Amino acid sequence: MKREELLPLALKHSFGHCEVGTRLMGLVAEIEQIAIDKAHHLYAADIATLEQENRQLRARIERLTDCAGANHATS
């Protein structure tokens, strides 16, 4: 976040107009972003596996839908 975006947040959380409060809000945002980046890195393999399983399930559903449609058309 930019300083201009942090100042309203600092004021909202009663940090006043002080530079320290603005810097503190920036530090908190930076720490949160580091944690998100690390979590994404740690779980990237799990996310890829889930995405692959999701694609496989969608393909199965599509095949079943096609089979059901073909079966309905012939009955």
PDB file of N, CA and C in Angstrom:
ATOM      1  N   MET A   1       0.832  -1.176   0.000  1.00  0.00           N
ATOM      2  CA  MET A   1       0.000   0.000   0.000  1.00  0.00           C
ATOM      3  C   MET A   1       0.885   1.252   0.000  1.00  0.00           C
ATOM      4  N   LYS A   2       0.369   2.269  -0.616  1.00  0.00           N
ATOM      5  CA  LYS A   2       1.083   3.538  -0.647  1.00  0.00           C
ATOM      6  C   LYS A   2       0.767   4.346   0.603  1.00  0.00           C
ATOM      7  N   ARG A   3       1.639   5.303   0.887  1.00  0.00           N
ATOM      8  CA  ARG A   3       1.471   6.133   2.082  1.00  0.00           C
ATOM      9  C   ARG A   3       0.118   6.843   2.074  1.00  0.00           C
ATOM     10  N   GLU A   4      -0.313   7.271   0.897  1.00  0.00           N
ATOM     11  CA  GLU A   4      -1.587   7.973   0.795  1.00  0.00           C
ATOM     12  C   GLU A   4      -2.761   7.068   1.172  1.00  0.00           C
ATOM     13  N   GLU A   5      -2.603   5.761   0.934  1.00  0.00           N
ATOM     14  CA  GLU A   5      -3.660   4.814   1.287  1.00  0.00           C
ATOM     15  C   GLU A   5      -3.599   4.445   2.766  1.00  0.00           C
ATOM     16  N   LEU A   6      -2.391   4.493   3.334  1.00  0.00           N
ATOM     17  CA  LEU A   6      -2.223   4.090   4.730  1.00  0.00           C
ATOM     18  C   LEU A   6      -2.714   5.135   5.721  1.00  0.00           C
ATOM     19  N   LEU A   7      -2.564   6.406   5.379  1.00  0.00           N
ATOM     20  CA  LEU A   7      -2.927   7.449   6.330  1.00  0.00           C
ATOM     21  C   LEU A   7      -4.386   7.379   6.760  1.00  0.00           C
ATOM     22  N   PRO A   8      -5.363   7.201   5.836  1.00  0.00           N
ATOM     23  CA  PRO A   8      -6.750   7.064   6.298  1.00  0.00           C
ATOM     24  C   PRO A   8      -6.956   5.850   7.207  1.00  0.00           C
ATOM     25  N   LEU A   9      -6.252   4.758   6.922  1.00  0.00           N
ATOM     26  CA  LEU A   9      -6.360   3.582   7.789  1.00  0.00           C
ATOM     27  C   LEU A   9      -5.774   3.877   9.169  1.00  0.00           C
ATOM     28  N   ALA A  10      -4.644   4.549   9.181  1.00  0.00           N
ATOM     29  CA  ALA A  10      -4.028   4.904  10.461  1.00  0.00           C
ATOM     30  C   ALA A  10      -4.956   5.796  11.281  1.00  0.00           C
ATOM     31  N   LEU A  11      -5.583   6.755  10.604  1.00  0.00           N
ATOM     32  CA  LEU A  11      -6.524   7.632  11.303  1.00  0.00           C
ATOM     33  C   LEU A  11      -7.725   6.851  11.814  1.00  0.00           C
ATOM     34  N   LYS A  12      -8.209   5.929  11.006  1.00  0.00           N
ATOM     35  CA  LYS A  12      -9.368   5.121  11.390  1.00  0.00           C
ATOM     36  C   LYS A  12      -9.075   4.298  12.637  1.00  0.00           C
ATOM     37  N   HIS A  13      -7.832   3.835  12.764  1.00  0.00           N
ATOM     38  CA  HIS A  13      -7.457   2.996  13.898  1.00  0.00           C
ATOM     39  C   HIS A  13      -6.796   3.806  15.015  1.00  0.00           C
ATOM     40  N   SER A  14      -7.067   5.118  15.020  1.00  0.00           N
ATOM     41  CA  SER A  14      -6.626   6.024  16.092  1.00  0.00           C
ATOM     42  C   SER A  14      -5.105   6.120  16.215  1.00  0.00           C
ATOM     43  N   PHE A  15      -4.378   6.039  15.119  1.00  0.00           N
ATOM     44  CA  PHE A  15      -2.948   6.265  15.176  1.00  0.00           C
ATOM     45  C   PHE A  15      -2.624   7.750  15.072  1.00  0.00           C
ATOM     46  N   GLY A  16      -3.620   8.561  14.792  1.00  0.00           N
ATOM     47  CA  GLY A  16      -3.398   9.991  14.658  1.00  0.00           C
ATOM     48  C   GLY A  16      -2.670  10.319  13.369  1.00  0.00           C
ATOM     49  N   HIS A  17      -2.122  11.523  13.319  1.00  0.00           N
ATOM     50  CA  HIS A  17      -1.439  11.962  12.105  1.00  0.00           C
ATOM     51  C   HIS A  17       0.040  11.596  12.130  1.00  0.00           C
ATOM     52  N   CYS A  18       0.460  10.799  13.069  1.00  0.00           N
ATOM     53  CA  CYS A  18       1.887  10.539  13.228  1.00  0.00           C
ATOM     54  C   CYS A  18       2.431   9.609  12.145  1.00  0.00           C
ATOM     55  N   GLU A  19       3.656   9.856  11.785  1.00  0.00           N
ATOM     56  CA  GLU A  19       4.358   9.051  10.780  1.00  0.00           C
ATOM     57  C   GLU A  19       4.549   7.619  11.274  1.00  0.00           C
ATOM     58  N   VAL A  20       4.731   7.450  12.593  1.00  0.00           N
ATOM     59  CA  VAL A  20       4.952   6.120  13.150  1.00  0.00           C
ATOM     60  C   VAL A  20       3.746   5.221  12.903  1.00  0.00           C
ATOM     61  N   GLY A  21       2.552   5.757  13.093  1.00  0.00           N
ATOM     62  CA  GLY A  21       1.344   4.977  12.868  1.00  0.00           C
ATOM     63  C   GLY A  21       1.223   4.553  11.422  1.00  0.00           C
ATOM     64  N   THR A  22       1.547   5.462  10.509  1.00  0.00           N
ATOM     65  CA  THR A  22       1.484   5.151   9.086  1.00  0.00           C
ATOM     66  C   THR A  22       2.496   4.065   8.734  1.00  0.00           C
ATOM     67  N   ARG A  23       3.687   4.193   9.282  1.00  0.00           N
ATOM     68  CA  ARG A  23       4.714   3.173   9.022  1.00  0.00           C
ATOM     69  C   ARG A  23       4.318   1.824   9.621  1.00  0.00           C
ATOM     70  N   LEU A  24       3.678   1.865  10.790  1.00  0.00           N
ATOM     71  CA  LEU A  24       3.239   0.630  11.424  1.00  0.00           C
ATOM     72  C   LEU A  24       2.205  -0.084  10.561  1.00  0.00           C
ATOM     73  N   MET A  25       1.268   0.676  10.014  1.00  0.00           N
ATOM     74  CA  MET A  25       0.260   0.077   9.134  1.00  0.00           C
ATOM     75  C   MET A  25       0.928  -0.537   7.901  1.00  0.00           C
ATOM     76  N   GLY A  26       1.944   0.136   7.366  1.00  0.00           N
ATOM     77  CA  GLY A  26       2.677  -0.405   6.225  1.00  0.00           C
ATOM     78  C   GLY A  26       3.397  -1.681   6.589  1.00  0.00           C
ATOM     79  N   LEU A  27       3.979  -1.727   7.773  1.00  0.00           N
ATOM     80  CA  LEU A  27       4.674  -2.921   8.231  1.00  0.00           C
ATOM     81  C   LEU A  27       3.709  -4.090   8.376  1.00  0.00           C
ATOM     82  N   VAL A  28       2.543  -3.840   8.934  1.00  0.00           N
ATOM     83  CA  VAL A  28       1.538  -4.893   9.078  1.00  0.00           C
ATOM     84  C   VAL A  28       1.123  -5.431   7.713  1.00  0.00           C
ATOM     85  N   ALA A  29       0.892  -4.532   6.752  1.00  0.00           N
ATOM     86  CA  ALA A  29       0.506  -4.965   5.410  1.00  0.00           C
ATOM     87  C   ALA A  29       1.614  -5.787   4.765  1.00  0.00           C
ATOM     88  N   GLU A  30       2.864  -5.373   4.960  1.00  0.00           N
ATOM     89  CA  GLU A  30       3.990  -6.109   4.382  1.00  0.00           C
ATOM     90  C   GLU A  30       4.123  -7.495   5.007  1.00  0.00           C
ATOM     91  N   ILE A  31       3.944  -7.590   6.303  1.00  0.00           N
ATOM     92  CA  ILE A  31       4.014  -8.887   6.989  1.00  0.00           C
ATOM     93  C   ILE A  31       2.900  -9.807   6.494  1.00  0.00           C
ATOM     94  N   GLU A  32       1.705  -9.274   6.338  1.00  0.00           N
ATOM     95  CA  GLU A  32       0.594 -10.082   5.820  1.00  0.00           C
ATOM     96  C   GLU A  32       0.901 -10.596   4.419  1.00  0.00           C
ATOM     97  N   GLN A  33       1.483  -9.756   3.573  1.00  0.00           N
ATOM     98  CA  GLN A  33       1.803 -10.176   2.216  1.00  0.00           C
ATOM     99  C   GLN A  33       2.877 -11.259   2.213  1.00  0.00           C
ATOM    100  N   ILE A  34       3.871 -11.146   3.085  1.00  0.00           N
ATOM    101  CA  ILE A  34       4.910 -12.177   3.189  1.00  0.00           C
ATOM    102  C   ILE A  34       4.278 -13.504   3.604  1.00  0.00           C
ATOM    103  N   ALA A  35       3.363 -13.465   4.566  1.00  0.00           N
ATOM    104  CA  ALA A  35       2.697 -14.691   5.022  1.00  0.00           C
ATOM    105  C   ALA A  35       1.879 -15.315   3.901  1.00  0.00           C
ATOM    106  N   ILE A  36       1.181 -14.496   3.125  1.00  0.00           N
ATOM    107  CA  ILE A  36       0.391 -15.018   2.004  1.00  0.00           C
ATOM    108  C   ILE A  36       1.296 -15.646   0.961  1.00  0.00           C
ATOM    109  N   ASP A  37       2.413 -14.978   0.645  1.00  0.00           N
ATOM    110  CA  ASP A  37       3.355 -15.511  -0.345  1.00  0.00           C
ATOM    111  C   ASP A  37       3.936 -16.848   0.109  1.00  0.00           C
ATOM    112  N   LYS A  38       4.296 -16.938   1.385  1.00  0.00           N
ATOM    113  CA  LYS A  38       4.860 -18.188   1.897  1.00  0.00           C
ATOM    114  C   LYS A  38       3.825 -19.308   1.874  1.00  0.00           C
ATOM    115  N   ALA A  39       2.599 -18.996   2.256  1.00  0.00           N
ATOM    116  CA  ALA A  39       1.538 -20.010   2.243  1.00  0.00           C
ATOM    117  C   ALA A  39       1.295 -20.497   0.823  1.00  0.00           C
ATOM    118  N   HIS A  40       1.289 -19.575  -0.128  1.00  0.00           N
ATOM    119  CA  HIS A  40       1.079 -19.961  -1.524  1.00  0.00           C
ATOM    120  C   HIS A  40       2.209 -20.862  -1.990  1.00  0.00           C
ATOM    121  N   HIS A  41       3.437 -20.524  -1.607  1.00  0.00           N
ATOM    122  CA  HIS A  41       4.597 -21.338  -1.989  1.00  0.00           C
ATOM    123  C   HIS A  41       4.511 -22.733  -1.362  1.00  0.00           C
ATOM    124  N   LEU A  42       4.124 -22.794  -0.097  1.00  0.00           N
ATOM    125  CA  LEU A  42       4.045 -24.080   0.602  1.00  0.00           C
ATOM    126  C   LEU A  42       2.961 -24.986   0.040  1.00  0.00           C
ATOM    127  N   TYR A  43       1.854 -24.393  -0.383  1.00  0.00           N
ATOM    128  CA  TYR A  43       0.720 -25.188  -0.826  1.00  0.00           C
ATOM    129  C   TYR A  43       0.549 -25.214  -2.341  1.00  0.00           C
ATOM    130  N   ALA A  44       1.551 -24.755  -3.080  1.00  0.00           N
ATOM    131  CA  ALA A  44       1.447 -24.708  -4.541  1.00  0.00           C
ATOM    132  C   ALA A  44       1.228 -26.098  -5.124  1.00  0.00           C
ATOM    133  N   ALA A  45       1.918 -27.108  -4.602  1.00  0.00           N
ATOM    134  CA  ALA A  45       1.757 -28.475  -5.112  1.00  0.00           C
ATOM    135  C   ALA A  45       0.351 -28.983  -4.820  1.00  0.00           C
ATOM    136  N   ASP A  46      -0.169 -28.689  -3.638  1.00  0.00           N
ATOM    137  CA  ASP A  46      -1.529 -29.104  -3.286  1.00  0.00           C
ATOM    138  C   ASP A  46      -2.556 -28.425  -4.190  1.00  0.00           C
ATOM    139  N   ILE A  47      -2.330 -27.153  -4.469  1.00  0.00           N
ATOM    140  CA  ILE A  47      -3.248 -26.420  -5.336  1.00  0.00           C
ATOM    141  C   ILE A  47      -3.231 -27.013  -6.735  1.00  0.00           C
ATOM    142  N   ALA A  48      -2.036 -27.344  -7.242  1.00  0.00           N
ATOM    143  CA  ALA A  48      -1.927 -27.941  -8.582  1.00  0.00           C
ATOM    144  C   ALA A  48      -2.640 -29.287  -8.624  1.00  0.00           C
ATOM    145  N   THR A  49      -2.503 -30.085  -7.572  1.00  0.00           N
ATOM    146  CA  THR A  49      -3.175 -31.389  -7.514  1.00  0.00           C
ATOM    147  C   THR A  49      -4.688 -31.207  -7.507  1.00  0.00           C
ATOM    148  N   LEU A  50      -5.184 -30.259  -6.712  1.00  0.00           N
ATOM    149  CA  LEU A  50      -6.624 -30.008  -6.664  1.00  0.00           C
ATOM    150  C   LEU A  50      -7.149 -29.516  -8.002  1.00  0.00           C
ATOM    151  N   GLU A  51      -6.378 -28.671  -8.675  1.00  0.00           N
ATOM    152  CA  GLU A  51      -6.802 -28.195  -9.991  1.00  0.00           C
ATOM    153  C   GLU A  51      -6.863 -29.343 -10.995  1.00  0.00           C
ATOM    154  N   GLN A  52      -5.895 -30.254 -10.934  1.00  0.00           N
ATOM    155  CA  GLN A  52      -5.895 -31.412 -11.833  1.00  0.00           C
ATOM    156  C   GLN A  52      -7.096 -32.306 -11.548  1.00  0.00           C
ATOM    157  N   GLU A  53      -7.365 -32.568 -10.272  1.00  0.00           N
ATOM    158  CA  GLU A  53      -8.523 -33.386  -9.911  1.00  0.00           C
ATOM    159  C   GLU A  53      -9.818 -32.718 -10.367  1.00  0.00           C
ATOM    160  N   ASN A  54      -9.885 -31.411 -10.247  1.00  0.00           N
ATOM    161  CA  ASN A  54     -11.063 -30.670 -10.682  1.00  0.00           C
ATOM    162  C   ASN A  54     -11.264 -30.827 -12.191  1.00  0.00           C
ATOM    163  N   ARG A  55     -10.181 -30.721 -12.964  1.00  0.00           N
ATOM    164  CA  ARG A  55     -10.288 -30.901 -14.418  1.00  0.00           C
ATOM    165  C   ARG A  55     -10.756 -32.313 -14.754  1.00  0.00           C
ATOM    166  N   GLN A  56     -10.236 -33.315 -14.033  1.00  0.00           N
ATOM    167  CA  GLN A  56     -10.640 -34.699 -14.278  1.00  0.00           C
ATOM    168  C   GLN A  56     -12.116 -34.899 -13.962  1.00  0.00           C
ATOM    169  N   LEU A  57     -12.576 -34.332 -12.863  1.00  0.00           N
ATOM    170  CA  LEU A  57     -13.992 -34.456 -12.508  1.00  0.00           C
ATOM    171  C   LEU A  57     -14.887 -33.772 -13.532  1.00  0.00           C
ATOM    172  N   ARG A  58     -14.471 -32.610 -13.999  1.00  0.00           N
ATOM    173  CA  ARG A  58     -15.255 -31.919 -15.026  1.00  0.00           C
ATOM    174  C   ARG A  58     -15.329 -32.745 -16.310  1.00  0.00           C
ATOM    175  N   ALA A  59     -14.224 -33.394 -16.671  1.00  0.00           N
ATOM    176  CA  ALA A  59     -14.216 -34.241 -17.865  1.00  0.00           C
ATOM    177  C   ALA A  59     -15.158 -35.430 -17.673  1.00  0.00           C
ATOM    178  N   ARG A  60     -15.146 -36.035 -16.497  1.00  0.00           N
ATOM    179  CA  ARG A  60     -16.054 -37.159 -16.217  1.00  0.00           C
ATOM    180  C   ARG A  60     -17.515 -36.714 -16.294  1.00  0.00           C
ATOM    181  N   ILE A  61     -17.803 -35.553 -15.706  1.00  0.00           N
ATOM    182  CA  ILE A  61     -19.173 -35.037 -15.752  1.00  0.00           C
ATOM    183  C   ILE A  61     -19.596 -34.791 -17.186  1.00  0.00           C
ATOM    184  N   GLU A  62     -18.697 -34.242 -17.992  1.00  0.00           N
ATOM    185  CA  GLU A  62     -19.018 -33.982 -19.393  1.00  0.00           C
ATOM    186  C   GLU A  62     -19.293 -35.287 -20.139  1.00  0.00           C
ATOM    187  N   ARG A  63     -18.471 -36.317 -19.885  1.00  0.00           N
ATOM    188  CA  ARG A  63     -18.698 -37.614 -20.537  1.00  0.00           C
ATOM    189  C   ARG A  63     -20.019 -38.224 -20.100  1.00  0.00           C
ATOM    190  N   LEU A  64     -20.314 -38.162 -18.807  1.00  0.00           N
ATOM    191  CA  LEU A  64     -21.581 -38.706 -18.307  1.00  0.00           C
ATOM    192  C   LEU A  64     -22.776 -37.952 -18.892  1.00  0.00           C
ATOM    193  N   THR A  65     -22.644 -36.650 -19.003  1.00  0.00           N
ATOM    194  CA  THR A  65     -23.722 -35.841 -19.589  1.00  0.00           C
ATOM    195  C   THR A  65     -23.934 -36.223 -21.047  1.00  0.00           C
ATOM    196  N   ASP A  66     -22.824 -36.398 -21.778  1.00  0.00           N
ATOM    197  CA  ASP A  66     -22.920 -36.811 -23.170  1.00  0.00           C
ATOM    198  C   ASP A  66     -23.573 -38.190 -23.304  1.00  0.00           C
ATOM    199  N   CYS A  67     -23.167 -39.122 -22.437  1.00  0.00           N
ATOM    200  CA  CYS A  67     -23.744 -40.465 -22.468  1.00  0.00           C
ATOM    201  C   CYS A  67     -25.225 -40.417 -22.119  1.00  0.00           C
ATOM    202  N   ALA A  68     -25.580 -39.637 -21.121  1.00  0.00           N
ATOM    203  CA  ALA A  68     -26.991 -39.534 -20.736  1.00  0.00           C
ATOM    204  C   ALA A  68     -27.803 -38.927 -21.867  1.00  0.00           C
ATOM    205  N   GLY A  69     -27.258 -37.919 -22.543  1.00  0.00           N
ATOM    206  CA  GLY A  69     -27.955 -37.311 -23.666  1.00  0.00           C
ATOM    207  C   GLY A  69     -28.134 -38.278 -24.800  1.00  0.00           C
ATOM    208  N   ALA A  70     -27.067 -39.050 -25.106  1.00  0.00           N
ATOM    209  CA  ALA A  70     -27.162 -40.049 -26.179  1.00  0.00           C
ATOM    210  C   ALA A  70     -28.138 -41.137 -25.816  1.00  0.00           C
ATOM    211  N   ASN A  71     -28.146 -41.575 -24.573  1.00  0.00           N
ATOM    212  CA  ASN A  71     -29.063 -42.627 -24.116  1.00  0.00           C
ATOM    213  C   ASN A  71     -30.502 -42.113 -24.183  1.00  0.00           C
ATOM    214  N   HIS A  72     -30.714 -40.876 -23.794  1.00  0.00           N
ATOM    215  CA  HIS A  72     -32.060 -40.287 -23.841  1.00  0.00           C
ATOM    216  C   HIS A  72     -32.557 -40.161 -25.267  1.00  0.00           C
ATOM    217  N   ALA A  73     -31.660 -39.826 -26.178  1.00  0.00           N
ATOM    218  CA  ALA A  73     -32.049 -39.647 -27.571  1.00  0.00           C
ATOM    219  C   ALA A  73     -32.447 -40.955 -28.232  1.00  0.00           C
ATOM    220  N   THR A  74     -31.870 -42.075 -27.782  1.00  0.00           N
ATOM    221  CA  THR A  74     -32.165 -43.368 -28.408  1.00  0.00           C
ATOM    222  C   THR A  74     -33.335 -44.084 -27.719  1.00  0.00           C
ATOM    223  N   SER A  75     -33.776 -43.623 -26.554  1.00  0.00           N
ATOM    224  CA  SER A  75     -34.859 -44.327 -25.872  1.00  0.00           C
ATOM    225  C   SER A  75     -36.206 -43.754 -26.162  1.00  0.00           C
TER     226      SER A  75
END
